[in-house]
Amino acid sequence: MNKIETICVYCGASSNGPAYHREVAKDLGVILAREKIRLVYGGGSTGVMGALADSVINEGGFVTGIIPEFLLSHEMAHQGVNELKIVKDMHERKALMASKSQGFVILPGGIGTLEEFFEIVTWKQLGVHNKPIVVLNVMGFWNNLTTIIDSLITSGYMREENKELLKFVEKTDDILPQMQKILEQPS
C-alpha cells in the first residue's frame, strides 16, 4: 500500500469541549480533502465530529458516516455526507468503520472515543489488523492517556514493544507523515 486513501477518525460528538478541538478537526478535514483521502467517521453532525465532516465536505472531499439506528437523533446524523450508513448497533458500526479504513486517527473526544481507541489498539495487538494508528495529542489533551499506557507497561500488563502499536503527534500536519512512516516500516 503506497498511499492511504481512506482514514477512520474517532472523535467526540459533544459540542461542550474546547472550541480549539473543533478547529483542529477542521484543519484535519482540509488536509484530508486536499490529499484526496476519504473520511470514515461516526456520522454525527455536532462537536468535533461535525466540524471534521463539515470541513472535508466544504473542501470537496468525500465523507462516509456510519451511525447506529439508536443514535440517529441523539448524535443528529449528518445529512450532508456523501454516504450515510445506518447500522443496527455500535458493534456493527465499529466493525464497518474499521473494515472501510486503511488507518486510524484519534482526535479529542470522550468515553466513546476512548472505547474506540482501546478497541482498535487491542485489535492491532492481537493481529486483527496492521493499520497505522495516530493520536493527535493537541495541547496535551491525551497526556493522561500516555500516563495510563506507561503505567500498564510498568505494572506488567502491557509489553514495552506494544507502545509502538500507535504514535502520538501534537500537530495536525504531522498526522499523515506519521501514518506514512508507519506504513513504510517493515512488519
Protein backbone atom coordinates (compact mmCIF):
# COMPACT_ATOMS: atom_id res chain seq x y z
CA MET A 1 0.00 0.00 0.00
CA ASN A 2 1.68 3.20 -1.16
CA LYS A 3 -0.82 5.88 -0.27
CA ILE A 4 -3.63 5.85 2.24
CA GLU A 5 -6.93 6.51 0.50
CA THR A 6 -9.35 6.19 3.44
CA ILE A 7 -8.90 7.13 7.09
CA CYS A 8 -11.19 6.45 10.03
CA VAL A 9 -11.28 9.24 12.59
CA TYR A 10 -12.57 8.67 16.11
CA CYS A 11 -13.62 11.86 17.92
CA GLY A 12 -16.24 13.43 20.13
CA ALA A 13 -19.80 14.32 19.15
CA SER A 14 -20.20 16.76 22.04
CA SER A 15 -20.01 20.49 21.38
CA ASN A 16 -19.16 21.12 25.05
CA GLY A 17 -15.40 20.61 24.62
CA PRO A 18 -12.95 23.42 23.92
CA ALA A 19 -13.52 25.29 20.65
CA TYR A 20 -9.92 24.68 19.55
CA HIS A 21 -10.70 20.94 19.34
CA ARG A 22 -13.24 21.71 16.64
CA GLU A 23 -10.65 23.95 14.95
CA VAL A 24 -8.04 21.18 14.76
CA ALA A 25 -10.75 18.89 13.39
CA LYS A 26 -11.41 21.46 10.66
CA ASP A 27 -7.68 21.62 9.94
CA LEU A 28 -7.55 17.85 9.55
CA GLY A 29 -10.60 17.98 7.28
CA VAL A 30 -8.84 20.41 4.96
CA ILE A 31 -5.76 18.16 4.87
CA LEU A 32 -7.81 15.05 4.11
CA ALA A 33 -9.72 16.75 1.30
CA ARG A 34 -6.55 18.29 -0.17
CA GLU A 35 -4.82 14.89 -0.17
CA LYS A 36 -7.95 13.22 -1.59
CA ILE A 37 -8.23 10.91 1.41
CA ARG A 38 -11.75 9.74 2.17
CA LEU A 39 -13.04 10.20 5.70
CA VAL A 40 -14.87 7.44 7.57
CA TYR A 41 -16.30 8.61 10.89
CA GLY A 42 -19.22 8.16 13.29
CA GLY A 43 -21.80 10.03 11.22
CA GLY A 44 -22.66 12.83 13.67
CA SER A 45 -23.22 16.49 12.80
CA THR A 46 -22.17 18.01 16.13
CA GLY A 47 -18.99 18.59 18.10
CA VAL A 48 -15.59 17.57 16.80
CA MET A 49 -17.31 15.01 14.56
CA GLY A 50 -19.46 17.60 12.84
CA ALA A 51 -16.60 20.09 12.46
CA LEU A 52 -14.44 17.43 10.83
CA ALA A 53 -17.13 16.25 8.41
CA ASP A 54 -18.17 19.80 7.51
CA SER A 55 -14.58 20.72 6.76
CA VAL A 56 -14.00 17.74 4.46
CA ILE A 57 -17.30 18.41 2.66
CA ASN A 58 -16.61 22.16 2.32
CA GLU A 59 -13.23 21.38 0.75
CA GLY A 60 -14.76 18.97 -1.78
CA GLY A 61 -13.68 15.74 -0.06
CA PHE A 62 -15.60 12.51 0.39
CA VAL A 63 -17.21 11.57 3.71
CA THR A 64 -18.76 8.30 4.85
CA GLY A 65 -20.70 8.48 8.10
CA ILE A 66 -21.61 5.29 9.95
CA ILE A 67 -24.21 5.57 12.67
CA PRO A 68 -26.34 3.06 14.57
CA GLU A 69 -30.11 3.45 14.40
CA PHE A 70 -30.48 4.34 18.08
CA LEU A 71 -28.11 7.32 17.72
CA LEU A 72 -29.79 8.83 14.67
CA SER A 73 -31.50 11.57 16.66
CA HIS A 74 -29.08 11.70 19.62
CA GLU A 75 -25.99 12.49 17.52
CA MET A 76 -28.04 14.20 14.87
CA ALA A 77 -26.91 12.25 11.83
CA HIS A 78 -25.09 14.44 9.32
CA GLN A 79 -27.34 14.78 6.28
CA GLY A 80 -24.62 16.39 4.13
CA VAL A 81 -22.21 13.46 3.94
CA ASN A 82 -21.61 11.67 0.65
CA GLU A 83 -22.58 8.34 2.15
CA LEU A 84 -24.52 7.66 5.37
CA LYS A 85 -24.61 4.05 6.53
CA ILE A 86 -27.19 3.22 9.19
CA VAL A 87 -26.32 0.08 11.13
CA LYS A 88 -28.08 -1.83 13.91
CA ASP A 89 -25.64 -1.27 16.79
CA MET A 90 -22.26 0.02 17.97
CA HIS A 91 -20.51 -3.29 17.28
CA GLU A 92 -21.55 -3.21 13.63
CA ARG A 93 -20.63 0.49 13.44
CA LYS A 94 -17.09 -0.06 14.71
CA ALA A 95 -16.50 -3.15 12.58
CA LEU A 96 -17.66 -1.36 9.43
CA MET A 97 -15.60 1.75 10.22
CA ALA A 98 -12.51 -0.41 10.69
CA SER A 99 -13.06 -2.50 7.57
CA LYS A 100 -13.56 0.57 5.36
CA SER A 101 -10.34 2.28 6.56
CA GLN A 102 -6.61 1.95 5.96
CA GLY A 103 -5.62 3.81 9.11
CA PHE A 104 -7.00 5.41 12.25
CA VAL A 105 -6.74 8.87 13.79
CA ILE A 106 -7.89 9.71 17.29
CA LEU A 107 -8.91 13.32 17.93
CA PRO A 108 -10.21 14.74 21.21
CA GLY A 109 -13.38 13.14 22.48
CA GLY A 110 -14.98 11.49 25.46
CA ILE A 111 -15.55 7.99 26.78
CA GLY A 112 -16.84 6.73 23.43
CA THR A 113 -13.67 7.91 21.70
CA LEU A 114 -11.58 6.19 24.37
CA GLU A 115 -13.55 2.98 23.92
CA GLU A 116 -12.93 3.07 20.15
CA PHE A 117 -9.26 3.86 20.75
CA PHE A 118 -8.71 0.92 23.10
CA GLU A 119 -10.56 -1.48 20.83
CA ILE A 120 -8.63 -0.56 17.68
CA VAL A 121 -5.29 -0.73 19.53
CA THR A 122 -6.27 -4.09 21.04
CA TRP A 123 -7.21 -5.38 17.58
CA LYS A 124 -3.79 -4.35 16.32
CA GLN A 125 -2.05 -6.00 19.27
CA LEU A 126 -3.97 -9.23 18.57
CA GLY A 127 -3.16 -9.11 14.84
CA VAL A 128 -6.71 -8.43 13.67
CA HIS A 129 -5.26 -5.57 11.59
CA ASN A 130 -1.90 -3.94 10.94
CA LYS A 131 -3.08 -0.43 10.09
CA PRO A 132 -1.47 2.76 11.40
CA ILE A 133 -2.97 4.40 14.50
CA VAL A 134 -2.13 8.04 15.21
CA VAL A 135 -3.36 10.02 18.21
CA LEU A 136 -3.50 13.81 17.92
CA ASN A 137 -2.37 14.98 21.35
CA VAL A 138 -3.20 18.62 20.71
CA MET A 139 -2.18 20.86 23.60
CA GLY A 140 -1.59 17.79 25.77
CA PHE A 141 -5.22 16.61 25.66
CA TRP A 142 -4.19 12.92 25.72
CA ASN A 143 -1.29 13.27 28.20
CA ASN A 144 -3.22 11.30 30.83
CA LEU A 145 -3.71 8.52 28.29
CA THR A 146 0.04 8.27 27.76
CA THR A 147 0.43 8.09 31.55
CA ILE A 148 -2.04 5.19 31.68
CA ILE A 149 -0.17 3.37 28.91
CA ASP A 150 3.14 3.88 30.74
CA SER A 151 1.51 2.58 33.94
CA LEU A 152 0.28 -0.54 32.13
CA ILE A 153 3.84 -1.20 30.96
CA THR A 154 5.38 -0.51 34.38
CA SER A 155 2.89 -2.83 36.09
CA GLY A 156 3.49 -5.62 33.57
CA TYR A 157 0.06 -5.63 31.92
CA MET A 158 1.42 -4.32 28.62
CA ARG A 159 4.69 -5.12 26.90
CA GLU A 160 7.05 -2.22 26.18
CA GLU A 161 7.11 -3.05 22.46
CA ASN A 162 3.32 -2.66 22.29
CA LYS A 163 3.81 1.05 22.81
CA GLU A 164 4.84 1.03 19.14
CA LEU A 165 1.33 -0.03 18.10
CA LEU A 166 0.38 3.65 17.96
CA LYS A 167 2.01 7.04 17.68
CA PHE A 168 1.19 10.34 19.33
CA VAL A 169 1.65 13.62 17.44
CA GLU A 170 0.98 17.19 18.53
CA LYS A 171 0.06 18.88 15.24
CA THR A 172 -2.43 18.02 12.51
CA ASP A 173 0.30 18.48 9.90
CA ASP A 174 2.18 15.55 11.46
CA ILE A 175 -0.66 13.01 11.18
CA LEU A 176 -0.29 11.91 7.56
CA PRO A 177 3.54 11.89 7.55
CA GLN A 178 3.46 9.75 10.70
CA MET A 179 0.96 7.35 9.11
CA GLN A 180 3.14 7.06 6.03
CA LYS A 181 6.20 6.41 8.20
CA ILE A 182 4.34 3.60 9.99
CA LEU A 183 3.31 2.07 6.65
CA GLU A 184 6.90 2.08 5.43
CA GLN A 185 8.21 0.20 8.47
CA PRO A 186 8.87 -3.50 7.95
CA SER A 187 6.20 -5.69 9.52
